[in-house]
N, C-alpha and C. Protein backbone atom coordinates (compact mmCIF):
# COMPACT_ATOMS: atom_id res chain seq x y z
N MET A 1 -45.12 6.40 39.28
CA MET A 1 -43.91 7.12 39.59
C MET A 1 -42.86 6.13 40.10
N ALA A 2 -41.66 6.23 39.57
CA ALA A 2 -40.58 5.31 39.92
C ALA A 2 -39.89 5.75 41.20
N ASN A 3 -39.40 4.78 41.92
CA ASN A 3 -38.60 5.04 43.11
C ASN A 3 -37.13 4.88 42.74
N TYR A 4 -36.32 5.86 43.07
CA TYR A 4 -34.89 5.80 42.80
C TYR A 4 -34.15 5.75 44.12
N SER A 5 -33.03 5.11 44.09
CA SER A 5 -32.22 5.06 45.31
C SER A 5 -30.74 5.04 44.95
N PHE A 6 -29.94 5.39 45.92
CA PHE A 6 -28.49 5.38 45.76
C PHE A 6 -27.87 4.95 47.07
N SER A 7 -26.88 4.07 46.99
CA SER A 7 -26.17 3.63 48.18
C SER A 7 -24.68 3.91 48.01
N PHE A 8 -24.13 4.68 48.92
CA PHE A 8 -22.68 4.93 48.90
C PHE A 8 -21.90 3.64 49.13
N ASN A 9 -22.53 2.63 49.72
CA ASN A 9 -21.87 1.35 49.98
C ASN A 9 -21.68 0.51 48.72
N LYS A 10 -22.34 0.91 47.64
CA LYS A 10 -22.26 0.14 46.40
C LYS A 10 -21.50 0.85 45.29
N VAL A 11 -20.81 1.93 45.63
CA VAL A 11 -20.03 2.66 44.64
C VAL A 11 -18.82 1.81 44.26
N ASN A 12 -18.59 1.65 42.96
CA ASN A 12 -17.44 0.88 42.47
C ASN A 12 -16.17 1.65 42.81
N LYS A 13 -15.28 1.01 43.57
CA LYS A 13 -14.05 1.68 44.00
C LYS A 13 -12.84 0.87 43.58
N ARG A 14 -11.81 1.60 43.23
CA ARG A 14 -10.50 1.00 42.99
C ARG A 14 -9.54 1.62 43.98
N PHE A 15 -8.46 0.92 44.24
CA PHE A 15 -7.55 1.35 45.28
C PHE A 15 -6.14 1.53 44.73
N PHE A 16 -5.35 2.29 45.46
CA PHE A 16 -3.95 2.52 45.12
C PHE A 16 -3.14 1.53 45.94
N ASN A 17 -2.57 0.54 45.28
CA ASN A 17 -1.79 -0.49 45.96
C ASN A 17 -0.39 0.02 46.24
N VAL A 18 0.00 -0.05 47.50
CA VAL A 18 1.30 0.46 47.94
C VAL A 18 2.01 -0.64 48.73
N GLU A 19 3.29 -0.82 48.42
CA GLU A 19 4.12 -1.70 49.23
C GLU A 19 5.16 -0.85 49.93
N LEU A 20 5.15 -0.90 51.25
CA LEU A 20 6.11 -0.14 52.05
C LEU A 20 7.45 -0.87 52.08
N LYS A 21 8.49 -0.17 52.51
CA LYS A 21 9.82 -0.76 52.56
C LYS A 21 9.89 -2.01 53.43
N ASP A 22 9.06 -2.06 54.46
CA ASP A 22 9.09 -3.22 55.36
C ASP A 22 8.29 -4.41 54.82
N GLY A 23 7.80 -4.28 53.57
CA GLY A 23 7.06 -5.36 52.93
C GLY A 23 5.55 -5.30 53.15
N LYS A 24 5.11 -4.43 54.02
CA LYS A 24 3.68 -4.28 54.29
C LYS A 24 2.99 -3.76 53.03
N LYS A 25 1.86 -4.38 52.68
CA LYS A 25 1.10 -3.98 51.50
C LYS A 25 -0.21 -3.34 51.94
N LEU A 26 -0.51 -2.21 51.33
CA LEU A 26 -1.73 -1.46 51.66
C LEU A 26 -2.55 -1.21 50.42
N GLN A 27 -3.85 -1.24 50.57
CA GLN A 27 -4.76 -0.78 49.53
C GLN A 27 -5.30 0.56 50.00
N VAL A 28 -4.74 1.62 49.45
CA VAL A 28 -5.05 2.97 49.89
C VAL A 28 -6.29 3.46 49.16
N LYS A 29 -7.19 4.08 49.91
CA LYS A 29 -8.42 4.63 49.35
C LYS A 29 -8.18 6.04 48.80
N MET A 30 -9.17 6.55 48.11
CA MET A 30 -9.12 7.94 47.66
C MET A 30 -8.94 8.84 48.88
N PRO A 31 -8.18 9.91 48.73
CA PRO A 31 -7.95 10.78 49.90
C PRO A 31 -9.21 11.55 50.28
N THR A 32 -9.26 11.93 51.54
CA THR A 32 -10.33 12.81 51.97
C THR A 32 -10.05 14.20 51.37
N LYS A 33 -11.05 15.03 51.36
CA LYS A 33 -10.90 16.38 50.80
C LYS A 33 -9.78 17.13 51.51
N LYS A 34 -9.75 17.02 52.83
CA LYS A 34 -8.74 17.74 53.63
C LYS A 34 -7.32 17.31 53.24
N VAL A 35 -7.09 16.01 53.14
CA VAL A 35 -5.76 15.50 52.78
C VAL A 35 -5.43 15.86 51.34
N PHE A 36 -6.39 15.70 50.44
CA PHE A 36 -6.15 16.03 49.04
C PHE A 36 -5.75 17.50 48.88
N GLU A 37 -6.48 18.39 49.49
CA GLU A 37 -6.18 19.82 49.37
C GLU A 37 -4.82 20.15 49.98
N ALA A 38 -4.49 19.54 51.10
CA ALA A 38 -3.19 19.81 51.72
C ALA A 38 -2.05 19.28 50.87
N LEU A 39 -2.21 18.10 50.28
CA LEU A 39 -1.18 17.56 49.39
C LEU A 39 -1.03 18.43 48.15
N LYS A 40 -2.14 18.88 47.62
CA LYS A 40 -2.11 19.75 46.43
C LYS A 40 -1.40 21.06 46.77
N GLU A 41 -1.67 21.59 47.93
CA GLU A 41 -1.02 22.83 48.39
C GLU A 41 0.50 22.64 48.48
N LEU A 42 0.93 21.52 49.05
CA LEU A 42 2.36 21.24 49.14
C LEU A 42 2.98 21.06 47.76
N GLN A 43 2.26 20.38 46.88
CA GLN A 43 2.76 20.14 45.53
C GLN A 43 2.95 21.45 44.77
N ASP A 44 2.06 22.39 44.99
CA ASP A 44 2.10 23.67 44.27
C ASP A 44 3.01 24.70 44.93
N MET A 45 3.56 24.36 46.10
CA MET A 45 4.36 25.31 46.87
C MET A 45 5.68 25.64 46.16
N ASP A 46 6.10 26.88 46.29
CA ASP A 46 7.40 27.31 45.78
C ASP A 46 8.45 26.89 46.80
N THR A 47 9.11 25.76 46.55
CA THR A 47 10.02 25.19 47.53
C THR A 47 11.30 26.00 47.72
N ALA A 48 11.55 26.94 46.82
CA ALA A 48 12.75 27.77 46.96
C ALA A 48 12.64 28.70 48.17
N ASN A 49 11.42 29.04 48.58
CA ASN A 49 11.21 29.98 49.68
C ASN A 49 10.61 29.33 50.91
N VAL A 50 10.88 28.05 51.10
CA VAL A 50 10.27 27.31 52.21
C VAL A 50 11.35 26.71 53.09
N ASP A 51 11.08 26.67 54.37
CA ASP A 51 11.97 25.99 55.31
C ASP A 51 11.92 24.49 55.00
N ALA A 52 13.05 23.91 54.61
CA ALA A 52 13.10 22.51 54.18
C ALA A 52 12.63 21.54 55.26
N ALA A 53 13.00 21.80 56.49
CA ALA A 53 12.61 20.90 57.58
C ALA A 53 11.10 20.91 57.80
N LEU A 54 10.52 22.09 57.76
CA LEU A 54 9.05 22.19 57.91
C LEU A 54 8.34 21.54 56.75
N PHE A 55 8.85 21.75 55.54
CA PHE A 55 8.26 21.12 54.35
C PHE A 55 8.29 19.60 54.49
N TYR A 56 9.43 19.06 54.91
CA TYR A 56 9.58 17.62 55.07
C TYR A 56 8.63 17.08 56.14
N ASP A 57 8.51 17.81 57.24
CA ASP A 57 7.57 17.40 58.30
C ASP A 57 6.14 17.39 57.80
N ASP A 58 5.75 18.44 57.08
CA ASP A 58 4.39 18.52 56.54
C ASP A 58 4.14 17.39 55.53
N LEU A 59 5.12 17.16 54.67
CA LEU A 59 4.98 16.10 53.66
C LEU A 59 4.88 14.73 54.33
N SER A 60 5.68 14.49 55.34
CA SER A 60 5.62 13.21 56.08
C SER A 60 4.26 13.02 56.72
N THR A 61 3.75 14.08 57.33
CA THR A 61 2.44 14.02 57.99
C THR A 61 1.34 13.72 56.99
N LEU A 62 1.37 14.39 55.84
CA LEU A 62 0.31 14.19 54.84
C LEU A 62 0.42 12.83 54.16
N CYS A 63 1.62 12.37 53.90
CA CYS A 63 1.79 11.03 53.32
C CYS A 63 1.29 9.97 54.30
N ALA A 64 1.59 10.15 55.57
CA ALA A 64 1.11 9.22 56.59
C ALA A 64 -0.42 9.21 56.64
N ALA A 65 -1.03 10.38 56.55
CA ALA A 65 -2.49 10.46 56.56
C ALA A 65 -3.08 9.77 55.33
N ALA A 66 -2.48 10.00 54.17
CA ALA A 66 -2.97 9.37 52.94
C ALA A 66 -2.83 7.86 53.03
N LEU A 67 -1.68 7.38 53.50
CA LEU A 67 -1.45 5.94 53.61
C LEU A 67 -2.31 5.29 54.68
N SER A 68 -2.65 6.02 55.72
CA SER A 68 -3.48 5.48 56.80
C SER A 68 -4.93 5.29 56.38
N ASN A 69 -5.32 5.92 55.29
CA ASN A 69 -6.67 5.76 54.77
C ASN A 69 -6.69 4.53 53.86
N ASN A 70 -6.57 3.35 54.49
CA ASN A 70 -6.45 2.11 53.73
C ASN A 70 -7.52 1.11 54.15
N MET A 71 -7.65 0.06 53.37
CA MET A 71 -8.71 -0.93 53.59
C MET A 71 -8.61 -1.66 54.93
N THR A 72 -7.42 -1.90 55.41
CA THR A 72 -7.27 -2.64 56.67
C THR A 72 -7.18 -1.72 57.88
N LYS A 73 -7.29 -0.42 57.64
CA LYS A 73 -7.25 0.58 58.70
C LYS A 73 -5.93 0.56 59.47
N GLU A 74 -4.87 0.17 58.77
CA GLU A 74 -3.51 0.18 59.32
C GLU A 74 -3.08 1.62 59.53
N LYS A 75 -2.66 1.96 60.73
CA LYS A 75 -2.23 3.32 61.05
C LYS A 75 -0.76 3.47 60.67
N ILE A 76 -0.46 4.45 59.82
CA ILE A 76 0.90 4.77 59.43
C ILE A 76 1.21 6.13 60.05
N THR A 77 2.28 6.20 60.82
CA THR A 77 2.59 7.44 61.53
C THR A 77 3.54 8.32 60.73
N ALA A 78 3.48 9.60 61.00
CA ALA A 78 4.39 10.55 60.37
C ALA A 78 5.83 10.27 60.81
N GLU A 79 5.99 9.81 62.05
CA GLU A 79 7.32 9.48 62.55
C GLU A 79 7.93 8.33 61.75
N TYR A 80 7.14 7.30 61.48
CA TYR A 80 7.60 6.17 60.68
C TYR A 80 8.01 6.65 59.29
N ILE A 81 7.17 7.46 58.68
CA ILE A 81 7.45 7.96 57.33
C ILE A 81 8.74 8.78 57.33
N ALA A 82 8.89 9.68 58.30
CA ALA A 82 10.07 10.54 58.37
C ALA A 82 11.36 9.75 58.61
N GLU A 83 11.26 8.67 59.38
CA GLU A 83 12.44 7.86 59.67
C GLU A 83 12.85 6.96 58.51
N GLU A 84 11.88 6.46 57.76
CA GLU A 84 12.15 5.43 56.76
C GLU A 84 12.24 5.93 55.31
N TYR A 85 11.68 7.09 55.03
CA TYR A 85 11.56 7.53 53.63
C TYR A 85 12.20 8.89 53.43
N ASP A 86 12.93 9.02 52.32
CA ASP A 86 13.57 10.30 52.03
C ASP A 86 12.65 11.17 51.17
N LEU A 87 13.08 12.39 50.95
CA LEU A 87 12.27 13.36 50.23
C LEU A 87 11.92 12.89 48.82
N LYS A 88 12.86 12.30 48.13
CA LYS A 88 12.62 11.80 46.77
C LYS A 88 11.53 10.73 46.77
N GLU A 89 11.61 9.81 47.71
CA GLU A 89 10.60 8.74 47.80
C GLU A 89 9.21 9.31 48.07
N LEU A 90 9.15 10.29 48.95
CA LEU A 90 7.85 10.87 49.29
C LEU A 90 7.27 11.68 48.14
N THR A 91 8.11 12.45 47.46
CA THR A 91 7.59 13.22 46.33
C THR A 91 7.17 12.30 45.19
N ASP A 92 7.90 11.20 44.97
CA ASP A 92 7.48 10.23 43.96
C ASP A 92 6.14 9.59 44.33
N PHE A 93 5.97 9.28 45.62
CA PHE A 93 4.69 8.74 46.07
C PHE A 93 3.55 9.71 45.78
N VAL A 94 3.75 10.98 46.13
CA VAL A 94 2.71 11.99 45.92
C VAL A 94 2.37 12.11 44.43
N LYS A 95 3.38 12.11 43.57
CA LYS A 95 3.13 12.20 42.12
C LYS A 95 2.29 11.02 41.64
N GLU A 96 2.67 9.82 42.03
CA GLU A 96 1.93 8.63 41.60
C GLU A 96 0.53 8.60 42.22
N PHE A 97 0.41 9.06 43.44
CA PHE A 97 -0.89 9.11 44.10
C PHE A 97 -1.83 10.05 43.35
N PHE A 98 -1.29 11.18 42.89
CA PHE A 98 -2.11 12.12 42.11
C PHE A 98 -2.49 11.53 40.75
N VAL A 99 -1.63 10.72 40.16
CA VAL A 99 -2.00 10.03 38.92
C VAL A 99 -3.20 9.12 39.18
N TYR A 100 -3.12 8.34 40.25
CA TYR A 100 -4.23 7.46 40.64
C TYR A 100 -5.51 8.26 40.87
N VAL A 101 -5.42 9.32 41.64
CA VAL A 101 -6.60 10.14 41.94
C VAL A 101 -7.19 10.71 40.65
N GLY A 102 -6.33 11.24 39.79
CA GLY A 102 -6.80 11.81 38.53
C GLY A 102 -7.50 10.79 37.65
N GLU A 103 -6.93 9.60 37.57
CA GLU A 103 -7.55 8.55 36.76
C GLU A 103 -8.88 8.11 37.34
N GLU A 104 -8.96 8.03 38.66
CA GLU A 104 -10.22 7.64 39.29
C GLU A 104 -11.31 8.69 39.08
N VAL A 105 -10.93 9.94 39.18
CA VAL A 105 -11.90 11.02 39.00
C VAL A 105 -12.39 11.05 37.55
N ASP A 106 -11.48 10.80 36.60
CA ASP A 106 -11.83 10.84 35.18
C ASP A 106 -12.49 9.56 34.68
N SER A 107 -12.44 8.48 35.48
CA SER A 107 -12.97 7.20 35.05
C SER A 107 -14.50 7.26 34.95
N PRO A 108 -15.05 6.74 33.85
CA PRO A 108 -16.51 6.75 33.71
C PRO A 108 -17.20 5.71 34.58
N ASN A 109 -16.47 4.76 35.16
CA ASN A 109 -17.08 3.71 36.00
C ASN A 109 -17.06 4.09 37.43
């Protein structure tokens, strides 16, 4: 009878490379389930019926959480995101992040 094993430490991973406006470079990991679901919820939201300020705050918080999940464990705050990035930049980030996530999930490796 053969012995089989699996190590989560040996899973082949690719990262989402992000350069922030201040020049800081991050290798962002796949999002946690909680962050992924919250970002998906925001993406699917009907923005015509939402308080814009609350939406922006939620988006800043979730982008900060996604960016903080990086290889160097650099903490990115929602305050920093809200001060430095506009709505267009954040929505573009989320779109590209979902492309990365989708490609990683669909990748056979």
